[in-house]
Amino acid sequence: MDLITLEAEKYNNKENITLNMVIEGPDYEDKYDKIQVYLNECDWLPKNINILTSSIDYGPHESIYTRPQSYEERMILKDYYDPILS
């Protein structure tokens, strides 16, 4: 994480670090939950960074993670159009 912070400082952007990860596989929801718990409980990860997680969608399925869940997530994405999720 220190390396990421140092790289961000080069661009005067230490306060706005974004981690992006894609989760794939038949049990991706379990993986997603484990990653979320880890990131929430991680002591060495700065609290002021953005973490974006997504999964690969192979077709129609029922998932609690297909759309933004919280009010904050919906407000961030309210002007965002995704033809796959629309």
C-alpha atoms as a PDB file:
ATOM      1  CA  MET A   1       0.000   0.000   0.000  1.00  0.00           C
ATOM      2  CA  ASP A   2       2.909   2.334   0.642  1.00  0.00           C
ATOM      3  CA  LEU A   3       3.900   1.966  -3.007  1.00  0.00           C
ATOM      4  CA  ILE A   4       0.390   2.910  -4.138  1.00  0.00           C
ATOM      5  CA  THR A   5       0.400   5.929  -1.811  1.00  0.00           C
ATOM      6  CA  LEU A   6       3.830   7.027  -3.065  1.00  0.00           C
ATOM      7  CA  GLU A   7       2.695   6.725  -6.681  1.00  0.00           C
ATOM      8  CA  ALA A   8      -0.417   8.780  -5.901  1.00  0.00           C
ATOM      9  CA  GLU A   9       1.695  11.479  -4.218  1.00  0.00           C
ATOM     10  CA  LYS A  10       3.586  11.978  -7.496  1.00  0.00           C
ATOM     11  CA  TYR A  11       0.344  13.270  -8.967  1.00  0.00           C
ATOM     12  CA  ASN A  12      -0.725  15.222  -5.846  1.00  0.00           C
ATOM     13  CA  ASN A  13      -3.553  12.732  -5.552  1.00  0.00           C
ATOM     14  CA  LYS A  14      -2.885  10.925  -2.270  1.00  0.00           C
ATOM     15  CA  GLU A  15      -6.439  11.506  -1.089  1.00  0.00           C
ATOM     16  CA  ASN A  16      -8.095   9.940  -4.122  1.00  0.00           C
ATOM     17  CA  ILE A  17      -6.735   6.435  -4.656  1.00  0.00           C
ATOM     18  CA  THR A  18      -9.003   3.957  -6.415  1.00  0.00           C
ATOM     19  CA  LEU A  19      -8.619   0.187  -6.360  1.00  0.00           C
ATOM     20  CA  ASN A  20     -10.539  -1.676  -9.041  1.00  0.00           C
ATOM     21  CA  MET A  21     -11.026  -5.445  -9.091  1.00  0.00           C
ATOM     22  CA  VAL A  22     -13.077  -7.884 -11.141  1.00  0.00           C
ATOM     23  CA  ILE A  23     -14.386 -11.046  -9.492  1.00  0.00           C
ATOM     24  CA  GLU A  24     -15.188 -14.041 -11.675  1.00  0.00           C
ATOM     25  CA  GLY A  25     -16.371 -17.598 -11.244  1.00  0.00           C
ATOM     26  CA  PRO A  26     -19.384 -19.632 -10.197  1.00  0.00           C
ATOM     27  CA  ASP A  27     -19.077 -18.623  -6.530  1.00  0.00           C
ATOM     28  CA  TYR A  28     -18.228 -14.960  -7.124  1.00  0.00           C
ATOM     29  CA  GLU A  29     -20.786 -13.727  -4.584  1.00  0.00           C
ATOM     30  CA  ASP A  30     -18.998 -15.633  -1.809  1.00  0.00           C
ATOM     31  CA  LYS A  31     -15.668 -14.228  -3.029  1.00  0.00           C
ATOM     32  CA  TYR A  32     -17.172 -10.740  -3.116  1.00  0.00           C
ATOM     33  CA  ASP A  33     -18.437 -11.053   0.459  1.00  0.00           C
ATOM     34  CA  LYS A  34     -15.046 -12.284   1.706  1.00  0.00           C
ATOM     35  CA  ILE A  35     -13.225  -9.459  -0.044  1.00  0.00           C
ATOM     36  CA  GLN A  36     -15.642  -6.871   1.359  1.00  0.00           C
ATOM     37  CA  VAL A  37     -15.179  -8.178   4.914  1.00  0.00           C
ATOM     38  CA  TYR A  38     -11.400  -8.170   4.481  1.00  0.00           C
ATOM     39  CA  LEU A  39     -11.322  -4.618   3.114  1.00  0.00           C
ATOM     40  CA  ASN A  40     -13.630  -3.338   5.853  1.00  0.00           C
ATOM     41  CA  GLU A  41     -11.505  -4.894   8.604  1.00  0.00           C
ATOM     42  CA  CYS A  42      -8.089  -4.199   7.049  1.00  0.00           C
ATOM     43  CA  ASP A  43      -5.969  -2.013   9.373  1.00  0.00           C
ATOM     44  CA  TRP A  44      -3.245  -1.065   6.877  1.00  0.00           C
ATOM     45  CA  LEU A  45      -5.561   0.114   4.098  1.00  0.00           C
ATOM     46  CA  PRO A  46      -6.260   3.879   4.209  1.00  0.00           C
ATOM     47  CA  LYS A  47      -9.917   4.700   4.820  1.00  0.00           C
ATOM     48  CA  ASN A  48      -9.987   7.560   2.294  1.00  0.00           C
ATOM     49  CA  ILE A  49      -9.652   5.448  -0.857  1.00  0.00           C
ATOM     50  CA  ASN A  50     -12.283   4.294  -3.323  1.00  0.00           C
ATOM     51  CA  ILE A  51     -12.667   0.576  -3.928  1.00  0.00           C
ATOM     52  CA  LEU A  52     -14.585  -0.553  -7.005  1.00  0.00           C
ATOM     53  CA  THR A  53     -15.528  -4.191  -7.383  1.00  0.00           C
ATOM     54  CA  SER A  54     -17.415  -5.806 -10.206  1.00  0.00           C
ATOM     55  CA  SER A  55     -18.107  -9.233 -11.579  1.00  0.00           C
ATOM     56  CA  ILE A  56     -18.318 -10.798 -15.012  1.00  0.00           C
ATOM     57  CA  ASP A  57     -21.911 -11.469 -16.045  1.00  0.00           C
ATOM     58  CA  TYR A  58     -22.496 -14.482 -18.268  1.00  0.00           C
ATOM     59  CA  GLY A  59     -26.196 -13.849 -18.752  1.00  0.00           C
ATOM     60  CA  PRO A  60     -29.447 -13.398 -16.843  1.00  0.00           C
ATOM     61  CA  HIS A  61     -29.280 -14.461 -13.201  1.00  0.00           C
ATOM     62  CA  GLU A  62     -30.605 -13.375  -9.871  1.00  0.00           C
ATOM     63  CA  SER A  63     -27.993 -11.519  -7.869  1.00  0.00           C
ATOM     64  CA  ILE A  64     -28.158  -9.010  -5.042  1.00  0.00           C
ATOM     65  CA  TYR A  65     -25.029  -7.351  -6.490  1.00  0.00           C
ATOM     66  CA  THR A  66     -26.233  -6.519 -10.010  1.00  0.00           C
ATOM     67  CA  ARG A  67     -27.313  -2.977  -9.252  1.00  0.00           C
ATOM     68  CA  PRO A  68     -26.140  -0.289  -6.833  1.00  0.00           C
ATOM     69  CA  GLN A  69     -27.563  -1.133  -3.422  1.00  0.00           C
ATOM     70  CA  SER A  70     -27.190   1.907  -1.177  1.00  0.00           C
ATOM     71  CA  TYR A  71     -28.720   5.344  -1.620  1.00  0.00           C
ATOM     72  CA  GLU A  72     -25.211   6.781  -1.982  1.00  0.00           C
ATOM     73  CA  GLU A  73     -24.319   4.324  -4.776  1.00  0.00           C
ATOM     74  CA  ARG A  74     -27.534   5.136  -6.626  1.00  0.00           C
ATOM     75  CA  MET A  75     -26.892   8.889  -6.350  1.00  0.00           C
ATOM     76  CA  ILE A  76     -23.344   8.513  -7.687  1.00  0.00           C
ATOM     77  CA  LEU A  77     -24.609   6.512 -10.659  1.00  0.00           C
ATOM     78  CA  LYS A  78     -27.945   8.278 -11.254  1.00  0.00           C
ATOM     79  CA  ASP A  79     -26.723   9.862 -14.506  1.00  0.00           C
ATOM     80  CA  TYR A  80     -24.764   6.793 -15.558  1.00  0.00           C
ATOM     81  CA  TYR A  81     -26.326   4.635 -18.254  1.00  0.00           C
ATOM     82  CA  ASP A  82     -25.326   0.995 -18.568  1.00  0.00           C
ATOM     83  CA  PRO A  83     -27.091  -0.751 -21.463  1.00  0.00           C
ATOM     84  CA  ILE A  84     -26.478  -4.155 -19.901  1.00  0.00           C
ATOM     85  CA  LEU A  85     -28.192  -3.298 -16.608  1.00  0.00           C
ATOM     86  CA  SER A  86     -30.955  -1.166 -18.137  1.00  0.00           C
END
